[in-house]
C-alpha atoms as a PDB file:
ATOM      1  CA  MET A   1       0.319  80.086  21.030  1.00  0.00           C
ATOM      2  CA  ARG A   2       1.515  76.707  19.792  1.00  0.00           C
ATOM      3  CA  LYS A   3      -1.110  73.977  20.161  1.00  0.00           C
ATOM      4  CA  ASN A   4      -1.385  70.189  19.666  1.00  0.00           C
ATOM      5  CA  ARG A   5       0.439  69.296  22.865  1.00  0.00           C
ATOM      6  CA  ARG A   6      -0.436  67.478  26.075  1.00  0.00           C
ATOM      7  CA  GLU A   7      -3.872  68.123  27.553  1.00  0.00           C
ATOM      8  CA  SER A   8      -4.479  68.104  31.291  1.00  0.00           C
ATOM      9  CA  HIS A   9      -6.756  65.481  32.795  1.00  0.00           C
ATOM     10  CA  ASN A  10      -7.504  67.662  35.821  1.00  0.00           C
ATOM     11  CA  VAL A  11     -10.740  68.820  34.229  1.00  0.00           C
ATOM     12  CA  ASP A  12     -14.279  68.555  35.515  1.00  0.00           C
ATOM     13  CA  ASP A  13     -16.387  69.101  32.406  1.00  0.00           C
ATOM     14  CA  ARG A  14     -19.920  70.076  33.403  1.00  0.00           C
ATOM     15  CA  ARG A  15     -20.906  71.811  30.185  1.00  0.00           C
ATOM     16  CA  GLU A  16     -23.664  69.324  29.401  1.00  0.00           C
ATOM     17  CA  SER A  17     -25.048  69.187  32.927  1.00  0.00           C
ATOM     18  CA  SER A  18     -24.898  72.852  33.973  1.00  0.00           C
ATOM     19  CA  GLY A  19     -27.595  75.347  33.088  1.00  0.00           C
ATOM     20  CA  GLY A  20     -27.553  78.201  30.610  1.00  0.00           C
ATOM     21  CA  GLY A  21     -25.243  78.536  27.682  1.00  0.00           C
ATOM     22  CA  GLY A  22     -25.046  82.051  26.352  1.00  0.00           C
ATOM     23  CA  SER A  23     -23.075  85.099  27.278  1.00  0.00           C
ATOM     24  CA  GLY A  24     -24.440  86.997  30.247  1.00  0.00           C
ATOM     25  CA  ILE A  25     -23.793  90.017  32.395  1.00  0.00           C
ATOM     26  CA  SER A  26     -20.178  90.075  33.511  1.00  0.00           C
ATOM     27  CA  MET A  27     -19.087  90.523  37.101  1.00  0.00           C
ATOM     28  CA  GLY A  28     -17.285  93.668  35.978  1.00  0.00           C
ATOM     29  CA  THR A  29     -20.590  95.063  34.732  1.00  0.00           C
ATOM     30  CA  ILE A  30     -22.343  94.173  37.988  1.00  0.00           C
ATOM     31  CA  ILE A  31     -19.655  95.943  40.007  1.00  0.00           C
ATOM     32  CA  MET A  32     -19.815  99.014  37.817  1.00  0.00           C
ATOM     33  CA  LEU A  33     -23.618  99.130  38.176  1.00  0.00           C
ATOM     34  CA  ALA A  34     -23.475  98.996  41.981  1.00  0.00           C
ATOM     35  CA  PRO A  35     -24.227 102.733  42.465  1.00  0.00           C
ATOM     36  CA  LEU A  36     -27.304 102.476  40.227  1.00  0.00           C
ATOM     37  CA  LEU A  37     -28.522  99.330  41.983  1.00  0.00           C
ATOM     38  CA  LYS A  38     -28.090 101.042  45.346  1.00  0.00           C
ATOM     39  CA  ARG A  39     -30.341 103.903  44.249  1.00  0.00           C
ATOM     40  CA  LEU A  40     -32.934 101.516  42.832  1.00  0.00           C
ATOM     41  CA  LEU A  41     -33.059  99.558  46.079  1.00  0.00           C
ATOM     42  CA  GLY A  42     -33.982 102.762  47.877  1.00  0.00           C
ATOM     43  CA  SER A  43     -37.456 103.017  46.337  1.00  0.00           C
ATOM     44  CA  LYS A  44     -40.463 100.801  45.639  1.00  0.00           C
ATOM     45  CA  PHE A  45     -40.315 101.715  41.958  1.00  0.00           C
ATOM     46  CA  GLY A  46     -36.662 100.707  41.897  1.00  0.00           C
ATOM     47  CA  TRP A  47     -37.545  97.299  43.303  1.00  0.00           C
ATOM     48  CA  VAL A  48     -40.089  96.885  40.527  1.00  0.00           C
ATOM     49  CA  ILE A  49     -37.438  97.698  37.901  1.00  0.00           C
ATOM     50  CA  ILE A  50     -35.040  95.183  39.423  1.00  0.00           C
ATOM     51  CA  ALA A  51     -37.748  92.494  39.575  1.00  0.00           C
ATOM     52  CA  VAL A  52     -38.624  93.034  35.916  1.00  0.00           C
ATOM     53  CA  GLY A  53     -34.956  92.883  34.956  1.00  0.00           C
ATOM     54  CA  VAL A  54     -34.410  89.632  36.861  1.00  0.00           C
ATOM     55  CA  ALA A  55     -37.518  88.078  35.305  1.00  0.00           C
ATOM     56  CA  ALA A  56     -36.340  89.113  31.840  1.00  0.00           C
ATOM     57  CA  TYR A  57     -32.888  87.647  32.402  1.00  0.00           C
ATOM     58  CA  MET A  58     -34.271  84.361  33.725  1.00  0.00           C
ATOM     59  CA  GLY A  59     -36.381  84.202  30.589  1.00  0.00           C
ATOM     60  CA  GLY A  60     -33.264  84.324  28.432  1.00  0.00           C
ATOM     61  CA  TYR A  61     -33.092  88.056  27.808  1.00  0.00           C
ATOM     62  CA  ASN A  62     -30.363  90.411  28.965  1.00  0.00           C
ATOM     63  CA  PRO A  63     -32.017  93.637  30.207  1.00  0.00           C
ATOM     64  CA  LEU A  64     -28.704  95.516  30.020  1.00  0.00           C
ATOM     65  CA  ALA A  65     -28.785  95.166  26.242  1.00  0.00           C
ATOM     66  CA  LEU A  66     -31.296  98.022  26.287  1.00  0.00           C
ATOM     67  CA  LEU A  67     -28.515 100.165  27.754  1.00  0.00           C
ATOM     68  CA  GLY A  68     -25.963  98.942  25.226  1.00  0.00           C
ATOM     69  CA  MET A  69     -24.317  96.686  27.812  1.00  0.00           C
ATOM     70  CA  GLY A  70     -24.028  93.007  28.580  1.00  0.00           C
ATOM     71  CA  GLY A  71     -24.123  91.536  25.088  1.00  0.00           C
ATOM     72  CA  SER A  72     -27.113  90.616  22.996  1.00  0.00           C
ATOM     73  CA  ALA A  73     -30.672  90.893  24.261  1.00  0.00           C
ATOM     74  CA  GLN A  74     -31.229  87.133  23.964  1.00  0.00           C
ATOM     75  CA  ARG A  75     -28.644  84.625  25.026  1.00  0.00           C
ATOM     76  CA  GLN A  76     -27.198  82.900  21.995  1.00  0.00           C
ATOM     77  CA  PRO A  77     -27.012  79.114  21.517  1.00  0.00           C
ATOM     78  CA  VAL A  78     -23.641  77.476  22.000  1.00  0.00           C
ATOM     79  CA  ASN A  79     -21.438  76.943  18.958  1.00  0.00           C
ATOM     80  CA  LYS A  80     -20.374  73.433  19.938  1.00  0.00           C
ATOM     81  CA  ALA A  81     -17.462  73.175  17.501  1.00  0.00           C
ATOM     82  CA  LYS A  82     -15.994  76.456  18.722  1.00  0.00           C
ATOM     83  CA  ASP A  83     -16.708  75.490  22.325  1.00  0.00           C
ATOM     84  CA  GLU A  84     -14.882  72.189  21.936  1.00  0.00           C
ATOM     85  CA  LYS A  85     -11.907  73.882  20.284  1.00  0.00           C
ATOM     86  CA  GLU A  86     -11.609  76.378  23.139  1.00  0.00           C
ATOM     87  CA  ALA A  87     -12.041  73.630  25.743  1.00  0.00           C
ATOM     88  CA  LYS A  88      -9.211  71.635  24.160  1.00  0.00           C
ATOM     89  CA  PHE A  89      -6.991  74.710  24.140  1.00  0.00           C
ATOM     90  CA  MET A  90      -7.728  75.447  27.811  1.00  0.00           C
ATOM     91  CA  LYS A  91      -6.771  71.864  28.683  1.00  0.00           C
ATOM     92  CA  ILE A  92      -3.429  72.389  26.914  1.00  0.00           C
ATOM     93  CA  VAL A  93      -2.810  75.644  28.778  1.00  0.00           C
ATOM     94  CA  LEU A  94      -3.706  73.965  32.065  1.00  0.00           C
ATOM     95  CA  ALA A  95      -1.218  71.189  31.299  1.00  0.00           C
ATOM     96  CA  ASP A  96       1.466  73.815  30.655  1.00  0.00           C
ATOM     97  CA  THR A  97       0.759  75.462  34.011  1.00  0.00           C
ATOM     98  CA  GLU A  98       1.053  72.083  35.712  1.00  0.00           C
ATOM     99  CA  ASP A  99       4.417  71.328  34.111  1.00  0.00           C
ATOM    100  CA  VAL A 100       5.848  74.775  34.835  1.00  0.00           C
ATOM    101  CA  TRP A 101       4.689  75.202  38.422  1.00  0.00           C
ATOM    102  CA  ARG A 102       5.537  71.619  39.358  1.00  0.00           C
ATOM    103  CA  ASP A 103       9.133  72.350  38.373  1.00  0.00           C
ATOM    104  CA  ILE A 104       9.705  75.863  39.674  1.00  0.00           C
ATOM    105  CA  LEU A 105       7.668  76.046  42.884  1.00  0.00           C
ATOM    106  CA  PRO A 106      10.030  73.724  44.818  1.00  0.00           C
ATOM    107  CA  GLN A 107      12.732  76.347  44.191  1.00  0.00           C
ATOM    108  CA  TYR A 108      10.766  78.513  46.607  1.00  0.00           C
ATOM    109  CA  GLY A 109      10.327  75.773  49.196  1.00  0.00           C
ATOM    110  CA  LEU A 110       6.788  74.875  48.145  1.00  0.00           C
ATOM    111  CA  ARG A 111       5.195  71.771  46.674  1.00  0.00           C
ATOM    112  CA  TYR A 112       2.805  72.225  43.804  1.00  0.00           C
ATOM    113  CA  THR A 113      -0.556  70.508  44.004  1.00  0.00           C
ATOM    114  CA  GLU A 114      -2.533  70.541  40.789  1.00  0.00           C
ATOM    115  CA  PRO A 115      -5.899  72.328  40.803  1.00  0.00           C
ATOM    116  CA  THR A 116      -8.945  71.244  38.824  1.00  0.00           C
ATOM    117  CA  MET A 117     -10.469  73.306  36.041  1.00  0.00           C
ATOM    118  CA  VAL A 118     -14.277  73.200  35.949  1.00  0.00           C
ATOM    119  CA  LEU A 119     -15.816  73.913  32.560  1.00  0.00           C
ATOM    120  CA  TYR A 120     -19.496  74.753  32.724  1.00  0.00           C
ATOM    121  CA  ARG A 121     -22.257  76.606  30.953  1.00  0.00           C
ATOM    122  CA  GLY A 122     -24.417  79.252  32.555  1.00  0.00           C
ATOM    123  CA  GLN A 123     -24.290  78.158  36.174  1.00  0.00           C
ATOM    124  CA  THR A 124     -23.001  75.489  38.530  1.00  0.00           C
ATOM    125  CA  ARG A 125     -22.037  74.942  42.157  1.00  0.00           C
ATOM    126  CA  SER A 126     -18.598  75.610  43.597  1.00  0.00           C
ATOM    127  CA  GLY A 127     -16.959  75.195  46.968  1.00  0.00           C
ATOM    128  CA  CYS A 128     -17.365  78.952  47.299  1.00  0.00           C
ATOM    129  CA  GLY A 129     -21.103  78.912  46.555  1.00  0.00           C
ATOM    130  CA  HIS A 130     -23.146  79.461  43.422  1.00  0.00           C
ATOM    131  CA  ALA A 131     -21.120  80.011  40.256  1.00  0.00           C
ATOM    132  CA  SER A 132     -22.510  81.693  37.157  1.00  0.00           C
ATOM    133  CA  ALA A 133     -21.209  82.944  33.847  1.00  0.00           C
ATOM    134  CA  GLN A 134     -21.955  86.501  34.988  1.00  0.00           C
ATOM    135  CA  MET A 135     -19.154  86.203  37.544  1.00  0.00           C
ATOM    136  CA  GLY A 136     -16.490  85.556  34.937  1.00  0.00           C
ATOM    137  CA  PRO A 137     -13.657  83.056  35.518  1.00  0.00           C
ATOM    138  CA  PHE A 138     -12.658  82.657  39.161  1.00  0.00           C
ATOM    139  CA  TYR A 139     -10.606  80.511  41.509  1.00  0.00           C
ATOM    140  CA  CYS A 140     -12.205  78.981  44.593  1.00  0.00           C
ATOM    141  CA  PRO A 141      -9.647  78.336  47.367  1.00  0.00           C
ATOM    142  CA  ALA A 142     -12.112  76.165  49.298  1.00  0.00           C
ATOM    143  CA  ASP A 143     -12.126  73.396  46.686  1.00  0.00           C
ATOM    144  CA  LYS A 144      -8.959  74.408  44.801  1.00  0.00           C
ATOM    145  CA  LYS A 145     -10.757  74.670  41.471  1.00  0.00           C
ATOM    146  CA  VAL A 146     -10.842  77.206  38.645  1.00  0.00           C
ATOM    147  CA  TYR A 147     -14.339  77.823  37.274  1.00  0.00           C
ATOM    148  CA  LEU A 148     -14.648  78.807  33.637  1.00  0.00           C
ATOM    149  CA  ASP A 149     -17.612  79.377  31.348  1.00  0.00           C
ATOM    150  CA  LEU A 150     -16.081  79.591  27.879  1.00  0.00           C
ATOM    151  CA  SER A 151     -18.600  82.256  26.835  1.00  0.00           C
ATOM    152  CA  PHE A 152     -16.373  84.686  28.749  1.00  0.00           C
ATOM    153  CA  PHE A 153     -13.927  84.589  25.867  1.00  0.00           C
ATOM    154  CA  ASP A 154     -16.609  85.881  23.495  1.00  0.00           C
ATOM    155  CA  GLU A 155     -17.139  88.772  25.867  1.00  0.00           C
ATOM    156  CA  LEU A 156     -13.410  89.348  26.128  1.00  0.00           C
ATOM    157  CA  ALA A 157     -13.059  89.502  22.352  1.00  0.00           C
ATOM    158  CA  ASN A 158     -16.267  91.308  21.425  1.00  0.00           C
ATOM    159  CA  ARG A 159     -17.032  93.654  24.303  1.00  0.00           C
ATOM    160  CA  HIS A 160     -13.501  94.318  25.488  1.00  0.00           C
ATOM    161  CA  ASN A 161     -11.719  94.088  22.130  1.00  0.00           C
ATOM    162  CA  ALA A 162      -9.207  91.572  23.462  1.00  0.00           C
ATOM    163  CA  PRO A 163      -9.251  88.566  21.112  1.00  0.00           C
ATOM    164  CA  GLY A 164      -6.573  85.932  20.679  1.00  0.00           C
ATOM    165  CA  ASP A 165      -5.605  82.564  22.081  1.00  0.00           C
ATOM    166  CA  PHE A 166      -2.925  83.977  24.344  1.00  0.00           C
ATOM    167  CA  ALA A 167      -5.432  86.429  25.801  1.00  0.00           C
ATOM    168  CA  GLN A 168      -7.360  83.307  26.800  1.00  0.00           C
ATOM    169  CA  ALA A 169      -4.204  81.655  28.132  1.00  0.00           C
ATOM    170  CA  TYR A 170      -3.510  84.757  30.238  1.00  0.00           C
ATOM    171  CA  VAL A 171      -6.968  84.523  31.830  1.00  0.00           C
ATOM    172  CA  LEU A 172      -6.409  80.931  32.941  1.00  0.00           C
ATOM    173  CA  ALA A 173      -2.817  81.617  34.016  1.00  0.00           C
ATOM    174  CA  HIS A 174      -4.104  84.496  36.178  1.00  0.00           C
ATOM    175  CA  GLU A 175      -6.552  82.184  37.953  1.00  0.00           C
ATOM    176  CA  ILE A 176      -3.815  79.593  38.450  1.00  0.00           C
ATOM    177  CA  GLY A 177      -1.837  82.478  39.973  1.00  0.00           C
ATOM    178  CA  HIS A 178      -4.497  82.598  42.687  1.00  0.00           C
ATOM    179  CA  HIS A 179      -3.920  78.881  43.264  1.00  0.00           C
ATOM    180  CA  ILE A 180      -0.233  79.637  43.832  1.00  0.00           C
ATOM    181  CA  GLN A 181      -1.276  82.296  46.349  1.00  0.00           C
ATOM    182  CA  ASN A 182      -3.452  79.714  48.065  1.00  0.00           C
ATOM    183  CA  ILE A 183      -0.511  77.318  48.337  1.00  0.00           C
ATOM    184  CA  GLN A 184       1.609  80.149  49.763  1.00  0.00           C
ATOM    185  CA  GLY A 185      -1.026  80.974  52.359  1.00  0.00           C
ATOM    186  CA  THR A 186      -1.510  84.464  50.943  1.00  0.00           C
ATOM    187  CA  LEU A 187      -5.244  84.150  50.375  1.00  0.00           C
ATOM    188  CA  ASP A 188      -5.851  83.104  53.986  1.00  0.00           C
ATOM    189  CA  LYS A 189      -3.843  86.071  55.278  1.00  0.00           C
ATOM    190  CA  VAL A 190      -5.738  88.479  53.052  1.00  0.00           C
ATOM    191  CA  GLN A 191      -9.086  87.063  54.159  1.00  0.00           C
ATOM    192  CA  ARG A 192      -8.146  87.495  57.827  1.00  0.00           C
ATOM    193  CA  TYR A 193      -7.050  91.066  57.120  1.00  0.00           C
ATOM    194  CA  LYS A 194     -10.370  91.894  55.462  1.00  0.00           C
ATOM    195  CA  GLN A 195     -12.340  90.478  58.380  1.00  0.00           C
ATOM    196  CA  LYS A 196     -10.263  92.553  60.759  1.00  0.00           C
ATOM    197  CA  VAL A 197     -10.421  95.932  59.015  1.00  0.00           C
ATOM    198  CA  ARG A 198     -14.111  95.736  57.990  1.00  0.00           C
ATOM    199  CA  SER A 199     -13.565  98.626  55.595  1.00  0.00           C
ATOM    200  CA  GLU A 200     -14.670  98.393  51.965  1.00  0.00           C
ATOM    201  CA  LYS A 201     -12.014 100.870  50.867  1.00  0.00           C
ATOM    202  CA  LYS A 202      -9.185  99.007  52.611  1.00  0.00           C
ATOM    203  CA  SER A 203     -10.518  95.629  51.519  1.00  0.00           C
ATOM    204  CA  ASN A 204     -10.664  96.759  47.908  1.00  0.00           C
ATOM    205  CA  ALA A 205      -7.123  98.131  48.101  1.00  0.00           C
ATOM    206  CA  MET A 206      -5.872  94.805  49.477  1.00  0.00           C
ATOM    207  CA  GLN A 207      -7.748  92.855  46.808  1.00  0.00           C
ATOM    208  CA  VAL A 208      -6.064  94.938  44.118  1.00  0.00           C
ATOM    209  CA  ARG A 209      -2.695  93.743  45.435  1.00  0.00           C
ATOM    210  CA  VAL A 210      -3.932  90.137  45.325  1.00  0.00           C
ATOM    211  CA  GLU A 211      -5.040  90.491  41.716  1.00  0.00           C
ATOM    212  CA  LEU A 212      -1.893  92.276  40.558  1.00  0.00           C
ATOM    213  CA  GLN A 213       0.226  89.539  42.080  1.00  0.00           C
ATOM    214  CA  ALA A 214      -1.810  86.958  40.160  1.00  0.00           C
ATOM    215  CA  ASP A 215      -1.126  88.980  36.999  1.00  0.00           C
ATOM    216  CA  CYS A 216       2.582  88.899  37.803  1.00  0.00           C
ATOM    217  CA  TYR A 217       2.463  85.155  38.445  1.00  0.00           C
ATOM    218  CA  SER A 218       0.821  84.666  35.054  1.00  0.00           C
ATOM    219  CA  GLY A 219       3.785  86.503  33.560  1.00  0.00           C
ATOM    220  CA  VAL A 220       6.195  84.240  35.462  1.00  0.00           C
ATOM    221  CA  TRP A 221       4.379  81.239  34.020  1.00  0.00           C
ATOM    222  CA  ALA A 222       4.632  82.652  30.470  1.00  0.00           C
ATOM    223  CA  TYR A 223       8.382  83.203  30.929  1.00  0.00           C
ATOM    224  CA  HIS A 224       9.026  79.595  31.957  1.00  0.00           C
ATOM    225  CA  ALA A 225       6.542  78.076  29.509  1.00  0.00           C
ATOM    226  CA  GLN A 226       8.302  79.847  26.663  1.00  0.00           C
ATOM    227  CA  LYS A 227      11.717  78.768  27.925  1.00  0.00           C
ATOM    228  CA  ARG A 228      10.613  75.161  28.284  1.00  0.00           C
ATOM    229  CA  PHE A 229       8.123  74.642  25.445  1.00  0.00           C
ATOM    230  CA  ASN A 230       8.740  77.541  23.051  1.00  0.00           C
ATOM    231  CA  ILE A 231       4.999  78.214  23.101  1.00  0.00           C
ATOM    232  CA  LEU A 232       4.935  81.841  21.997  1.00  0.00           C
ATOM    233  CA  GLU A 233       4.140  83.067  18.522  1.00  0.00           C
ATOM    234  CA  PRO A 234       4.463  86.663  17.262  1.00  0.00           C
ATOM    235  CA  GLY A 235       1.859  88.854  18.917  1.00  0.00           C
ATOM    236  CA  ASP A 236       1.078  86.509  21.814  1.00  0.00           C
ATOM    237  CA  ILE A 237       2.456  88.705  24.599  1.00  0.00           C
ATOM    238  CA  GLU A 238       0.715  91.696  23.047  1.00  0.00           C
ATOM    239  CA  GLU A 239      -2.560  89.744  23.244  1.00  0.00           C
ATOM    240  CA  ALA A 240      -2.036  89.102  26.952  1.00  0.00           C
ATOM    241  CA  LEU A 241      -1.151  92.734  27.633  1.00  0.00           C
ATOM    242  CA  ASN A 242      -4.161  93.914  25.660  1.00  0.00           C
ATOM    243  CA  ALA A 243      -6.431  91.616  27.679  1.00  0.00           C
ATOM    244  CA  ALA A 244      -4.944  92.800  30.984  1.00  0.00           C
ATOM    245  CA  SER A 245      -5.415  96.411  29.917  1.00  0.00           C
ATOM    246  CA  SER A 246      -8.936  95.917  28.581  1.00  0.00           C
ATOM    247  CA  ILE A 247     -10.226  94.565  31.882  1.00  0.00           C
ATOM    248  CA  GLY A 248      -8.478  97.110  34.085  1.00  0.00           C
ATOM    249  CA  ASP A 249     -10.843  98.634  36.632  1.00  0.00           C
ATOM    250  CA  ASP A 250     -10.473 102.140  35.238  1.00  0.00           C
ATOM    251  CA  VAL A 251     -11.388 100.967  31.738  1.00  0.00           C
ATOM    252  CA  LEU A 252     -14.408  98.995  32.969  1.00  0.00           C
ATOM    253  CA  GLN A 253     -15.641 101.831  35.160  1.00  0.00           C
ATOM    254  CA  LYS A 254     -15.264 104.410  32.426  1.00  0.00           C
ATOM    255  CA  LYS A 255     -17.184 102.209  30.012  1.00  0.00           C
ATOM    256  CA  ALA A 256     -19.962 101.380  32.476  1.00  0.00           C
ATOM    257  CA  GLN A 257     -20.529 104.649  34.307  1.00  0.00           C
ATOM    258  CA  GLY A 258     -18.595 107.310  32.425  1.00  0.00           C
ATOM    259  CA  TYR A 259     -16.122 108.106  35.200  1.00  0.00           C
ATOM    260  CA  VAL A 260     -13.405 106.442  37.277  1.00  0.00           C
ATOM    261  CA  ARG A 261     -13.583 105.838  41.038  1.00  0.00           C
ATOM    262  CA  PRO A 262     -10.246 104.424  42.292  1.00  0.00           C
ATOM    263  CA  ASP A 263     -11.703 103.526  45.700  1.00  0.00           C
ATOM    264  CA  GLY A 264     -13.871 101.001  43.874  1.00  0.00           C
ATOM    265  CA  PHE A 265     -10.961  99.246  42.183  1.00  0.00           C
ATOM    266  CA  THR A 266     -10.733  95.520  42.974  1.00  0.00           C
ATOM    267  CA  HIS A 267      -8.308  94.309  40.290  1.00  0.00           C
ATOM    268  CA  GLY A 268      -6.127  97.292  39.434  1.00  0.00           C
ATOM    269  CA  SER A 269      -5.943  99.821  36.639  1.00  0.00           C
ATOM    270  CA  ALA A 270      -5.047  98.931  33.071  1.00  0.00           C
ATOM    271  CA  ALA A 271      -1.546 100.339  33.568  1.00  0.00           C
ATOM    272  CA  GLN A 272      -1.026  98.414  36.804  1.00  0.00           C
ATOM    273  CA  ARG A 273      -2.221  95.104  35.379  1.00  0.00           C
ATOM    274  CA  THR A 274       0.000  95.292  32.313  1.00  0.00           C
ATOM    275  CA  GLU A 275       2.972  96.463  34.378  1.00  0.00           C
ATOM    276  CA  TRP A 276       2.805  93.538  36.791  1.00  0.00           C
ATOM    277  CA  PHE A 277       2.339  90.976  34.028  1.00  0.00           C
ATOM    278  CA  LYS A 278       5.439  92.406  32.342  1.00  0.00           C
ATOM    279  CA  ARG A 279       7.409  92.232  35.596  1.00  0.00           C
ATOM    280  CA  GLY A 280       6.680  88.536  35.884  1.00  0.00           C
ATOM    281  CA  PHE A 281       7.390  87.824  32.234  1.00  0.00           C
ATOM    282  CA  LYS A 282      10.685  89.721  32.204  1.00  0.00           C
ATOM    283  CA  SER A 283      12.050  88.166  35.401  1.00  0.00           C
ATOM    284  CA  GLY A 284      10.484  84.706  35.678  1.00  0.00           C
ATOM    285  CA  ASP A 285      10.928  85.165  39.434  1.00  0.00           C
ATOM    286  CA  LEU A 286       8.129  84.951  42.011  1.00  0.00           C
ATOM    287  CA  LYS A 287      10.107  87.212  44.317  1.00  0.00           C
ATOM    288  CA  LYS A 288       9.665  90.053  41.846  1.00  0.00           C
ATOM    289  CA  CYS A 289       5.887  89.746  42.309  1.00  0.00           C
ATOM    290  CA  ASP A 290       5.634  91.105  45.853  1.00  0.00           C
ATOM    291  CA  THR A 291       2.764  93.551  45.413  1.00  0.00           C
ATOM    292  CA  PHE A 292       2.160  93.786  49.158  1.00  0.00           C
ATOM    293  CA  ASN A 293       5.320  95.642  50.140  1.00  0.00           C
ATOM    294  CA  VAL A 294       5.515  98.273  47.429  1.00  0.00           C
ATOM    295  CA  ARG A 295       3.737 101.570  46.910  1.00  0.00           C
ATOM    296  CA  LEU A 296       1.280 101.223  44.059  1.00  0.00           C
ATOM    297  CA  PRO A 297       0.879 104.267  41.794  1.00  0.00           C
END
């Protein structure tokens, strides 16, 4: 992706004030380990194991490294030069999302309000509660901010084999997609639905549709950013598709527990995530991203 362009000023940089600094246990890993944690919580010995694991992690060690998961056993110090380079790039991508969505959203009868990107290390506070690197990047509708610990990109490249600057751009564009959903009122509607149904299976299925739409919106952004700024270089779209595929629920589940449980999907399969990104990128039209009124395979 072409660099050395405008950087966004809508950035709350907390990297020096937030705690931690190395790669941790991803939210995907935590979700995949839920069945094991449930069994451990059912016995006194299991509670002891969990307590030891928590103590080890708080001491700077990742207990999942013993299982071949979650990165290195000891959290690594921050490479400040690399961190600064990635932060600068994320500011450029954020600026591109601002320019694109400010122009095209009024075509759909909506006014774009710019979100803030929070860069932090290890942990911080968000309008949605405690934020930590283990959660991965996320959007908080309560304060309209995207939270990003840059160590996630090391995990994306090393654990999920999805390197590349446009893989990183896709991640941020996906979270900005949730901001678009917030502007549209979609996130509020989904939250009300979840409170009404009170079913984990139905809630998960609805969340998959939310996430796939955000993937599609990231594709819409890429379409217009390319048209306006000529940002793409050879291989960029392939990097985004590889990232979307690598963090599909089926891939993460298979890696973590050895089998796939579709009822536990919260983001969509690898095939679904790549398909919806491609729909957005091919059309450049938000109306093609209606994941709520189609039958998902």
